[in-house]
């Protein structure tokens, strides 16, 4: 099995408390399903959507974020186990980020030899 990072992206927009609670319930159900199937390597964490910096050079020059060129912000991540990209893509089926007009960027974790 390989590991893949799921980067959760969605448009920056305000949501009501009820929308956030409903969304959290759906996320928890998805996480539980992933845990039970053995595909969740690391739950990850949500990221603060109200700040961030993008460092663009070795002198420490940066732009304020949380995003630079896009209106979709990374709101969190998880690490999942899958045999290949196709299975990783299939694991996104039914993910609640899609209910928020969001998307999932899938990136393989490069295993370095010690």
Protein backbone atom coordinates (compact mmCIF):
# COMPACT_ATOMS: atom_id res chain seq x y z
CA UNK A 1 0.00 0.00 0.00
CA UNK A 2 1.12 3.52 -0.77
CA UNK A 3 0.25 6.68 1.09
CA UNK A 4 -1.45 9.67 -0.49
CA UNK A 5 -2.11 13.13 0.93
CA UNK A 6 -5.62 14.43 0.38
CA UNK A 7 -5.51 18.24 0.33
CA UNK A 8 -9.00 19.58 0.84
CA UNK A 9 -9.76 22.75 -1.10
CA UNK A 10 -12.93 24.80 -1.16
CA UNK A 11 -13.99 28.32 -2.04
CA UNK A 12 -13.58 30.88 0.71
CA UNK A 13 -17.09 31.71 1.81
CA UNK A 14 -18.94 32.13 5.07
CA UNK A 15 -21.13 29.32 6.37
CA UNK A 16 -23.76 29.32 9.09
CA UNK A 17 -23.26 27.47 12.36
CA UNK A 18 -25.85 24.91 11.25
CA UNK A 19 -24.04 24.35 7.93
CA UNK A 20 -20.74 23.85 9.79
CA UNK A 21 -22.33 21.36 12.22
CA UNK A 22 -23.94 19.37 9.40
CA UNK A 23 -20.67 19.37 7.52
CA UNK A 24 -18.74 18.17 10.59
CA UNK A 25 -21.12 15.23 11.02
CA UNK A 26 -20.58 14.20 7.39
CA UNK A 27 -16.78 14.55 7.76
CA UNK A 28 -16.81 12.41 10.91
CA UNK A 29 -18.84 9.71 9.14
CA UNK A 30 -16.39 9.70 6.21
CA UNK A 31 -13.39 9.49 8.57
CA UNK A 32 -14.99 6.61 10.48
CA UNK A 33 -15.59 4.74 7.22
CA UNK A 34 -11.96 5.26 6.20
CA UNK A 35 -10.70 4.09 9.62
CA UNK A 36 -12.86 0.96 9.56
CA UNK A 37 -11.66 0.05 6.07
CA UNK A 38 -7.99 0.51 7.07
CA UNK A 39 -7.39 3.29 4.56
CA UNK A 40 -6.79 6.15 6.99
CA UNK A 41 -3.08 6.57 7.77
CA UNK A 42 -3.39 10.00 9.43
CA UNK A 43 -6.60 11.90 10.12
CA UNK A 44 -4.80 15.21 9.56
CA UNK A 45 -6.10 18.53 10.82
CA UNK A 46 -8.26 21.39 9.62
CA UNK A 47 -6.33 24.52 8.71
CA UNK A 48 -7.18 28.08 9.70
CA UNK A 49 -8.72 29.82 6.71
CA UNK A 50 -8.08 33.33 7.99
CA UNK A 51 -4.36 33.59 7.54
CA UNK A 52 -1.22 32.22 6.05
CA UNK A 53 1.79 33.21 4.05
CA UNK A 54 3.27 31.96 0.82
CA UNK A 55 7.09 32.10 0.88
CA UNK A 56 8.46 32.52 -2.63
CA UNK A 57 12.21 32.95 -2.21
CA UNK A 58 15.13 32.02 0.00
CA UNK A 59 15.37 35.57 1.37
CA UNK A 60 12.03 35.03 3.09
CA UNK A 61 9.93 37.19 0.80
CA UNK A 62 6.29 36.26 1.11
CA UNK A 63 2.76 37.19 0.22
CA UNK A 64 -0.12 37.06 2.66
CA UNK A 65 -2.43 34.11 2.13
CA UNK A 66 -3.90 31.69 2.77
CA UNK A 67 -3.69 31.48 -1.00
CA UNK A 68 -1.76 33.21 -3.69
CA UNK A 69 -3.25 32.78 -7.16
CA UNK A 70 -6.50 30.95 -6.51
CA UNK A 71 -9.73 31.55 -4.66
CA UNK A 72 -9.85 27.92 -3.50
CA UNK A 73 -8.11 27.60 -0.16
CA UNK A 74 -6.65 24.50 1.45
CA UNK A 75 -8.86 23.87 4.49
CA UNK A 76 -7.25 20.65 5.71
CA UNK A 77 -5.57 17.39 4.84
CA UNK A 78 -5.56 13.66 5.53
CA UNK A 79 -3.15 10.87 4.66
CA UNK A 80 -4.74 7.74 3.23
CA UNK A 81 -3.48 4.32 2.24
CA UNK A 82 -4.30 3.02 -1.23
CA UNK A 83 -2.74 0.57 -3.65
CA UNK A 84 -2.53 3.20 -6.44
CA UNK A 85 -3.95 6.48 -7.74
CA UNK A 86 -7.10 4.80 -9.02
CA UNK A 87 -7.95 3.46 -5.58
CA UNK A 88 -7.08 6.81 -3.98
CA UNK A 89 -9.48 8.56 -6.35
CA UNK A 90 -12.18 5.97 -5.60
CA UNK A 91 -11.77 6.63 -1.87
CA UNK A 92 -12.94 10.22 -2.40
CA UNK A 93 -16.38 8.91 -3.37
CA UNK A 94 -19.02 10.55 -1.19
CA UNK A 95 -16.60 12.91 0.53
CA UNK A 96 -18.42 15.89 2.10
CA UNK A 97 -16.03 18.49 0.63
CA UNK A 98 -17.95 18.09 -2.64
CA UNK A 99 -21.11 19.35 -0.89
CA UNK A 100 -19.20 22.61 -0.26
CA UNK A 101 -18.21 23.10 -3.91
CA UNK A 102 -14.77 21.88 -2.91
CA UNK A 103 -12.23 19.52 -4.40
CA UNK A 104 -9.55 17.12 -3.26
CA UNK A 105 -6.00 17.32 -4.53
CA UNK A 106 -4.33 13.91 -4.28
CA UNK A 107 -0.55 13.76 -3.95
CA UNK A 108 1.56 10.64 -3.41
CA UNK A 109 3.84 10.56 -0.40
CA UNK A 110 7.42 10.00 -1.51
CA UNK A 111 9.06 7.42 0.73
CA UNK A 112 12.68 8.27 1.41
CA UNK A 113 15.11 5.55 2.36
CA UNK A 114 16.69 6.05 5.78
